[in-house]
Amino acid sequence: DAAMRGDQIEGEMLARHRREMSELRAALARIEEGSYGECLACGEPIGFERLKVQPRAPRCLKCQTHAEGGR
């Protein structure tokens, strides 16, 4: 039913918003502690271009790809 589908979409949007807010708070905490821009997985710098596109990225592209099941 359309109303149920609308509720589902709204719930998914709310969940995504909460995830993004959590990621932003984590990025701000890394800025405060001086570790922003360092990969949480390997400790290497996160590329500038990646941070420009995804400022709240916690991992470098290589580690993020690995975390998502890629190679």
PDB file of N, CA and C in Angstrom:
ATOM      1  N   ASP A   1       0.839  -1.178   0.000  1.00  0.00           N
ATOM      2  CA  ASP A   1       0.000   0.000   0.000  1.00  0.00           C
ATOM      3  C   ASP A   1       0.887   1.245   0.000  1.00  0.00           C
ATOM      4  N   ALA A   2       0.416   2.303  -0.604  1.00  0.00           N
ATOM      5  CA  ALA A   2       1.221   3.518  -0.794  1.00  0.00           C
ATOM      6  C   ALA A   2       1.614   4.170   0.528  1.00  0.00           C
ATOM      7  N   ALA A   3       0.708   4.156   1.499  1.00  0.00           N
ATOM      8  CA  ALA A   3       1.014   4.768   2.802  1.00  0.00           C
ATOM      9  C   ALA A   3       2.128   4.010   3.505  1.00  0.00           C
ATOM     10  N   MET A   4       2.096   2.687   3.427  1.00  0.00           N
ATOM     11  CA  MET A   4       3.142   1.877   4.057  1.00  0.00           C
ATOM     12  C   MET A   4       4.480   2.121   3.364  1.00  0.00           C
ATOM     13  N   ARG A   5       4.443   2.227   2.040  1.00  0.00           N
ATOM     14  CA  ARG A   5       5.674   2.487   1.281  1.00  0.00           C
ATOM     15  C   ARG A   5       6.238   3.853   1.656  1.00  0.00           C
ATOM     16  N   GLY A   6       5.376   4.845   1.805  1.00  0.00           N
ATOM     17  CA  GLY A   6       5.813   6.176   2.216  1.00  0.00           C
ATOM     18  C   GLY A   6       6.450   6.153   3.592  1.00  0.00           C
ATOM     19  N   ASP A   7       5.853   5.399   4.509  1.00  0.00           N
ATOM     20  CA  ASP A   7       6.425   5.264   5.851  1.00  0.00           C
ATOM     21  C   ASP A   7       7.786   4.589   5.807  1.00  0.00           C
ATOM     22  N   GLN A   8       7.921   3.578   4.935  1.00  0.00           N
ATOM     23  CA  GLN A   8       9.191   2.869   4.797  1.00  0.00           C
ATOM     24  C   GLN A   8      10.271   3.810   4.262  1.00  0.00           C
ATOM     25  N   ILE A   9       9.930   4.594   3.253  1.00  0.00           N
ATOM     26  CA  ILE A   9      10.886   5.546   2.680  1.00  0.00           C
ATOM     27  C   ILE A   9      11.293   6.575   3.729  1.00  0.00           C
ATOM     28  N   GLU A  10      10.303   7.068   4.480  1.00  0.00           N
ATOM     29  CA  GLU A  10      10.602   8.048   5.524  1.00  0.00           C
ATOM     30  C   GLU A  10      11.520   7.452   6.585  1.00  0.00           C
ATOM     31  N   GLY A  11      11.276   6.205   6.965  1.00  0.00           N
ATOM     32  CA  GLY A  11      12.129   5.532   7.937  1.00  0.00           C
ATOM     33  C   GLY A  11      13.546   5.352   7.436  1.00  0.00           C
ATOM     34  N   GLU A  12      13.683   5.006   6.158  1.00  0.00           N
ATOM     35  CA  GLU A  12      15.007   4.839   5.567  1.00  0.00           C
ATOM     36  C   GLU A  12      15.753   6.166   5.506  1.00  0.00           C
ATOM     37  N   MET A  13      15.029   7.233   5.178  1.00  0.00           N
ATOM     38  CA  MET A  13      15.654   8.557   5.129  1.00  0.00           C
ATOM     39  C   MET A  13      16.115   8.988   6.518  1.00  0.00           C
ATOM     40  N   LEU A  14      15.300   8.717   7.531  1.00  0.00           N
ATOM     41  CA  LEU A  14      15.663   9.061   8.901  1.00  0.00           C
ATOM     42  C   LEU A  14      16.890   8.270   9.346  1.00  0.00           C
ATOM     43  N   ALA A  15      16.934   6.985   9.017  1.00  0.00           N
ATOM     44  CA  ALA A  15      18.090   6.157   9.375  1.00  0.00           C
ATOM     45  C   ALA A  15      19.348   6.670   8.691  1.00  0.00           C
ATOM     46  N   ARG A  16      19.241   7.044   7.416  1.00  0.00           N
ATOM     47  CA  ARG A  16      20.406   7.579   6.689  1.00  0.00           C
ATOM     48  C   ARG A  16      20.868   8.888   7.318  1.00  0.00           C
ATOM     49  N   HIS A  17      19.926   9.745   7.666  1.00  0.00           N
ATOM     50  CA  HIS A  17      20.263  11.021   8.298  1.00  0.00           C
ATOM     51  C   HIS A  17      20.996  10.791   9.622  1.00  0.00           C
ATOM     52  N   ARG A  18      20.499   9.848  10.420  1.00  0.00           N
ATOM     53  CA  ARG A  18      21.149   9.551  11.702  1.00  0.00           C
ATOM     54  C   ARG A  18      22.564   9.021  11.496  1.00  0.00           C
ATOM     55  N   ARG A  19      22.754   8.147  10.488  1.00  0.00           N
ATOM     56  CA  ARG A  19      24.095   7.620  10.174  1.00  0.00           C
ATOM     57  C   ARG A  19      25.030   8.757   9.781  1.00  0.00           C
ATOM     58  N   GLU A  20      24.548   9.647   8.915  1.00  0.00           N
ATOM     59  CA  GLU A  20      25.377  10.765   8.465  1.00  0.00           C
ATOM     60  C   GLU A  20      25.738  11.675   9.626  1.00  0.00           C
ATOM     61  N   MET A  21      24.808  11.951  10.521  1.00  0.00           N
ATOM     62  CA  MET A  21      25.089  12.794  11.680  1.00  0.00           C
ATOM     63  C   MET A  21      26.123  12.132  12.587  1.00  0.00           C
ATOM     64  N   SER A  22      26.010  10.843  12.771  1.00  0.00           N
ATOM     65  CA  SER A  22      26.981  10.115  13.581  1.00  0.00           C
ATOM     66  C   SER A  22      28.374  10.184  12.956  1.00  0.00           C
ATOM     67  N   GLU A  23      28.434  10.032  11.629  1.00  0.00           N
ATOM     68  CA  GLU A  23      29.719  10.120  10.922  1.00  0.00           C
ATOM     69  C   GLU A  23      30.303  11.525  11.029  1.00  0.00           C
ATOM     70  N   LEU A  24      29.450  12.541  10.955  1.00  0.00           N
ATOM     71  CA  LEU A  24      29.930  13.919  11.088  1.00  0.00           C
ATOM     72  C   LEU A  24      30.470  14.185  12.492  1.00  0.00           C
ATOM     73  N   ARG A  25      29.760  13.699  13.514  1.00  0.00           N
ATOM     74  CA  ARG A  25      30.252  13.875  14.888  1.00  0.00           C
ATOM     75  C   ARG A  25      31.598  13.178  15.078  1.00  0.00           C
ATOM     76  N   ALA A  26      31.744  12.002  14.490  1.00  0.00           N
ATOM     77  CA  ALA A  26      33.016  11.272  14.588  1.00  0.00           C
ATOM     78  C   ALA A  26      34.128  12.044  13.885  1.00  0.00           C
ATOM     79  N   ALA A  27      33.832  12.625  12.719  1.00  0.00           N
ATOM     80  CA  ALA A  27      34.839  13.413  11.996  1.00  0.00           C
ATOM     81  C   ALA A  27      35.241  14.639  12.817  1.00  0.00           C
ATOM     82  N   LEU A  28      34.270  15.294  13.433  1.00  0.00           N
ATOM     83  CA  LEU A  28      34.586  16.453  14.276  1.00  0.00           C
ATOM     84  C   LEU A  28      35.448  16.049  15.463  1.00  0.00           C
ATOM     85  N   ALA A  29      35.173  14.893  16.036  1.00  0.00           N
ATOM     86  CA  ALA A  29      35.996  14.404  17.153  1.00  0.00           C
ATOM     87  C   ALA A  29      37.428  14.151  16.680  1.00  0.00           C
ATOM     88  N   ARG A  30      37.584  13.595  15.463  1.00  0.00           N
ATOM     89  CA  ARG A  30      38.938  13.366  14.929  1.00  0.00           C
ATOM     90  C   ARG A  30      39.659  14.689  14.688  1.00  0.00           C
ATOM     91  N   ILE A  31      38.924  15.709  14.259  1.00  0.00           N
ATOM     92  CA  ILE A  31      39.534  17.037  14.078  1.00  0.00           C
ATOM     93  C   ILE A  31      40.038  17.540  15.432  1.00  0.00           C
ATOM     94  N   GLU A  32      39.197  17.445  16.449  1.00  0.00           N
ATOM     95  CA  GLU A  32      39.570  17.924  17.782  1.00  0.00           C
ATOM     96  C   GLU A  32      40.778  17.192  18.351  1.00  0.00           C
ATOM     97  N   GLU A  33      40.883  15.893  18.089  1.00  0.00           N
ATOM     98  CA  GLU A  33      42.009  15.135  18.644  1.00  0.00           C
ATOM     99  C   GLU A  33      43.240  15.162  17.745  1.00  0.00           C
ATOM    100  N   GLY A  34      43.094  15.747  16.553  1.00  0.00           N
ATOM    101  CA  GLY A  34      44.241  15.893  15.659  1.00  0.00           C
ATOM    102  C   GLY A  34      44.497  14.715  14.741  1.00  0.00           C
ATOM    103  N   SER A  35      43.544  13.812  14.637  1.00  0.00           N
ATOM    104  CA  SER A  35      43.765  12.641  13.772  1.00  0.00           C
ATOM    105  C   SER A  35      42.929  12.672  12.495  1.00  0.00           C
ATOM    106  N   TYR A  36      42.245  13.788  12.240  1.00  0.00           N
ATOM    107  CA  TYR A  36      41.433  13.888  11.026  1.00  0.00           C
ATOM    108  C   TYR A  36      42.328  13.736   9.806  1.00  0.00           C
ATOM    109  N   GLY A  37      41.848  12.945   8.847  1.00  0.00           N
ATOM    110  CA  GLY A  37      42.615  12.735   7.621  1.00  0.00           C
ATOM    111  C   GLY A  37      43.510  11.513   7.673  1.00  0.00           C
ATOM    112  N   GLU A  38      43.559  10.850   8.816  1.00  0.00           N
ATOM    113  CA  GLU A  38      44.312   9.597   8.945  1.00  0.00           C
ATOM    114  C   GLU A  38      43.324   8.441   8.894  1.00  0.00           C
ATOM    115  N   CYS A  39      43.645   7.428   8.124  1.00  0.00           N
ATOM    116  CA  CYS A  39      42.796   6.247   8.003  1.00  0.00           C
ATOM    117  C   CYS A  39      42.712   5.520   9.344  1.00  0.00           C
ATOM    118  N   LEU A  40      41.501   5.218   9.776  1.00  0.00           N
ATOM    119  CA  LEU A  40      41.315   4.509  11.044  1.00  0.00           C
ATOM    120  C   LEU A  40      41.784   3.064  10.958  1.00  0.00           C
ATOM    121  N   ALA A  41      41.865   2.519   9.753  1.00  0.00           N
ATOM    122  CA  ALA A  41      42.259   1.117   9.589  1.00  0.00           C
ATOM    123  C   ALA A  41      43.773   0.943   9.492  1.00  0.00           C
ATOM    124  N   CYS A  42      44.419   1.749   8.653  1.00  0.00           N
ATOM    125  CA  CYS A  42      45.852   1.531   8.419  1.00  0.00           C
ATOM    126  C   CYS A  42      46.740   2.663   8.933  1.00  0.00           C
ATOM    127  N   GLY A  43      46.137   3.802   9.287  1.00  0.00           N
ATOM    128  CA  GLY A  43      46.901   4.926   9.806  1.00  0.00           C
ATOM    129  C   GLY A  43      47.533   5.819   8.756  1.00  0.00           C
ATOM    130  N   GLU A  44      47.410   5.427   7.496  1.00  0.00           N
ATOM    131  CA  GLU A  44      47.962   6.241   6.399  1.00  0.00           C
ATOM    132  C   GLU A  44      47.037   7.437   6.141  1.00  0.00           C
ATOM    133  N   PRO A  45      47.564   8.472   5.491  1.00  0.00           N
ATOM    134  CA  PRO A  45      46.718   9.625   5.170  1.00  0.00           C
ATOM    135  C   PRO A  45      45.600   9.247   4.192  1.00  0.00           C
ATOM    136  N   ILE A  46      44.440   9.845   4.424  1.00  0.00           N
ATOM    137  CA  ILE A  46      43.330   9.699   3.486  1.00  0.00           C
ATOM    138  C   ILE A  46      43.568  10.737   2.404  1.00  0.00           C
ATOM    139  N   GLY A  47      43.467  10.344   1.164  1.00  0.00           N
ATOM    140  CA  GLY A  47      43.740  11.253   0.048  1.00  0.00           C
ATOM    141  C   GLY A  47      42.876  12.506   0.076  1.00  0.00           C
ATOM    142  N   PHE A  48      43.480  13.624  -0.304  1.00  0.00           N
ATOM    143  CA  PHE A  48      42.780  14.907  -0.310  1.00  0.00           C
ATOM    144  C   PHE A  48      41.529  14.845  -1.169  1.00  0.00           C
ATOM    145  N   GLU A  49      41.622  14.248  -2.340  1.00  0.00           N
ATOM    146  CA  GLU A  49      40.467  14.169  -3.237  1.00  0.00           C
ATOM    147  C   GLU A  49      39.325  13.392  -2.583  1.00  0.00           C
ATOM    148  N   ARG A  50      39.654  12.329  -1.865  1.00  0.00           N
ATOM    149  CA  ARG A  50      38.613  11.558  -1.163  1.00  0.00           C
ATOM    150  C   ARG A  50      37.959  12.414  -0.085  1.00  0.00           C
ATOM    151  N   LEU A  51      38.754  13.131   0.685  1.00  0.00           N
ATOM    152  CA  LEU A  51      38.197  13.981   1.731  1.00  0.00           C
ATOM    153  C   LEU A  51      37.390  15.138   1.148  1.00  0.00           C
ATOM    154  N   LYS A  52      37.789  15.600  -0.013  1.00  0.00           N
ATOM    155  CA  LYS A  52      37.051  16.678  -0.663  1.00  0.00           C
ATOM    156  C   LYS A  52      35.645  16.199  -1.041  1.00  0.00           C
ATOM    157  N   VAL A  53      35.547  14.961  -1.512  1.00  0.00           N
ATOM    158  CA  VAL A  53      34.269  14.389  -1.920  1.00  0.00           C
ATOM    159  C   VAL A  53      33.487  13.878  -0.710  1.00  0.00           C
ATOM    160  N   GLN A  54      34.190  13.283   0.251  1.00  0.00           N
ATOM    161  CA  GLN A  54      33.563  12.652   1.423  1.00  0.00           C
ATOM    162  C   GLN A  54      34.302  13.115   2.684  1.00  0.00           C
ATOM    163  N   PRO A  55      34.038  14.350   3.154  1.00  0.00           N
ATOM    164  CA  PRO A  55      34.800  14.905   4.276  1.00  0.00           C
ATOM    165  C   PRO A  55      34.723  14.092   5.561  1.00  0.00           C
ATOM    166  N   ARG A  56      33.710  13.272   5.710  1.00  0.00           N
ATOM    167  CA  ARG A  56      33.579  12.486   6.948  1.00  0.00           C
ATOM    168  C   ARG A  56      34.168  11.087   6.806  1.00  0.00           C
ATOM    169  N   ALA A  57      34.884  10.826   5.708  1.00  0.00           N
ATOM    170  CA  ALA A  57      35.457   9.500   5.457  1.00  0.00           C
ATOM    171  C   ALA A  57      36.416   9.100   6.581  1.00  0.00           C
ATOM    172  N   PRO A  58      36.200   7.921   7.190  1.00  0.00           N
ATOM    173  CA  PRO A  58      37.080   7.472   8.257  1.00  0.00           C
ATOM    174  C   PRO A  58      38.247   6.610   7.768  1.00  0.00           C
ATOM    175  N   ARG A  59      38.175   6.161   6.514  1.00  0.00           N
ATOM    176  CA  ARG A  59      39.202   5.259   5.979  1.00  0.00           C
ATOM    177  C   ARG A  59      39.657   5.719   4.608  1.00  0.00           C
ATOM    178  N   CYS A  60      40.899   5.368   4.274  1.00  0.00           N
ATOM    179  CA  CYS A  60      41.399   5.628   2.927  1.00  0.00           C
ATOM    180  C   CYS A  60      40.609   4.770   1.940  1.00  0.00           C
ATOM    181  N   LEU A  61      40.724   5.079   0.672  1.00  0.00           N
ATOM    182  CA  LEU A  61      39.954   4.368  -0.343  1.00  0.00           C
ATOM    183  C   LEU A  61      40.272   2.877  -0.353  1.00  0.00           C
ATOM    184  N   LYS A  62      41.541   2.527  -0.203  1.00  0.00           N
ATOM    185  CA  LYS A  62      41.938   1.115  -0.213  1.00  0.00           C
ATOM    186  C   LYS A  62      41.272   0.363   0.941  1.00  0.00           C
ATOM    187  N   CYS A  63      41.339   0.919   2.145  1.00  0.00           N
ATOM    188  CA  CYS A  63      40.759   0.253   3.312  1.00  0.00           C
ATOM    189  C   CYS A  63      39.228   0.248   3.247  1.00  0.00           C
ATOM    190  N   GLN A  64      38.632   1.317   2.715  1.00  0.00           N
ATOM    191  CA  GLN A  64      37.181   1.357   2.575  1.00  0.00           C
ATOM    192  C   GLN A  64      36.709   0.300   1.590  1.00  0.00           C
ATOM    193  N   THR A  65      37.429   0.152   0.488  1.00  0.00           N
ATOM    194  CA  THR A  65      37.087  -0.853  -0.499  1.00  0.00           C
ATOM    195  C   THR A  65      37.184  -2.242   0.121  1.00  0.00           C
ATOM    196  N   HIS A  66      38.227  -2.474   0.899  1.00  0.00           N
ATOM    197  CA  HIS A  66      38.397  -3.754   1.581  1.00  0.00           C
ATOM    198  C   HIS A  66      37.256  -3.995   2.582  1.00  0.00           C
ATOM    199  N   ALA A  67      36.888  -2.959   3.323  1.00  0.00           N
ATOM    200  CA  ALA A  67      35.819  -3.077   4.318  1.00  0.00           C
ATOM    201  C   ALA A  67      34.478  -3.399   3.671  1.00  0.00           C
ATOM    202  N   GLU A  68      34.295  -2.954   2.440  1.00  0.00           N
ATOM    203  CA  GLU A  68      33.052  -3.224   1.714  1.00  0.00           C
ATOM    204  C   GLU A  68      33.080  -4.546   0.986  1.00  0.00           C
ATOM    205  N   GLY A  69      34.147  -5.310   1.187  1.00  0.00           N
ATOM    206  CA  GLY A  69      34.236  -6.634   0.570  1.00  0.00           C
ATOM    207  C   GLY A  69      34.932  -6.655  -0.779  1.00  0.00           C
ATOM    208  N   GLY A  70      35.502  -5.522  -1.165  1.00  0.00           N
ATOM    209  CA  GLY A  70      36.256  -5.463  -2.418  1.00  0.00           C
ATOM    210  C   GLY A  70      37.678  -5.914  -2.220  1.00  0.00           C
ATOM    211  N   ARG A  71      38.462  -5.801  -3.243  1.00  0.00           N
ATOM    212  CA  ARG A  71      39.863  -6.213  -3.148  1.00  0.00           C
ATOM    213  C   ARG A  71      40.744  -5.047  -3.159  1.00  0.00           C
TER     214      ARG A  71
END
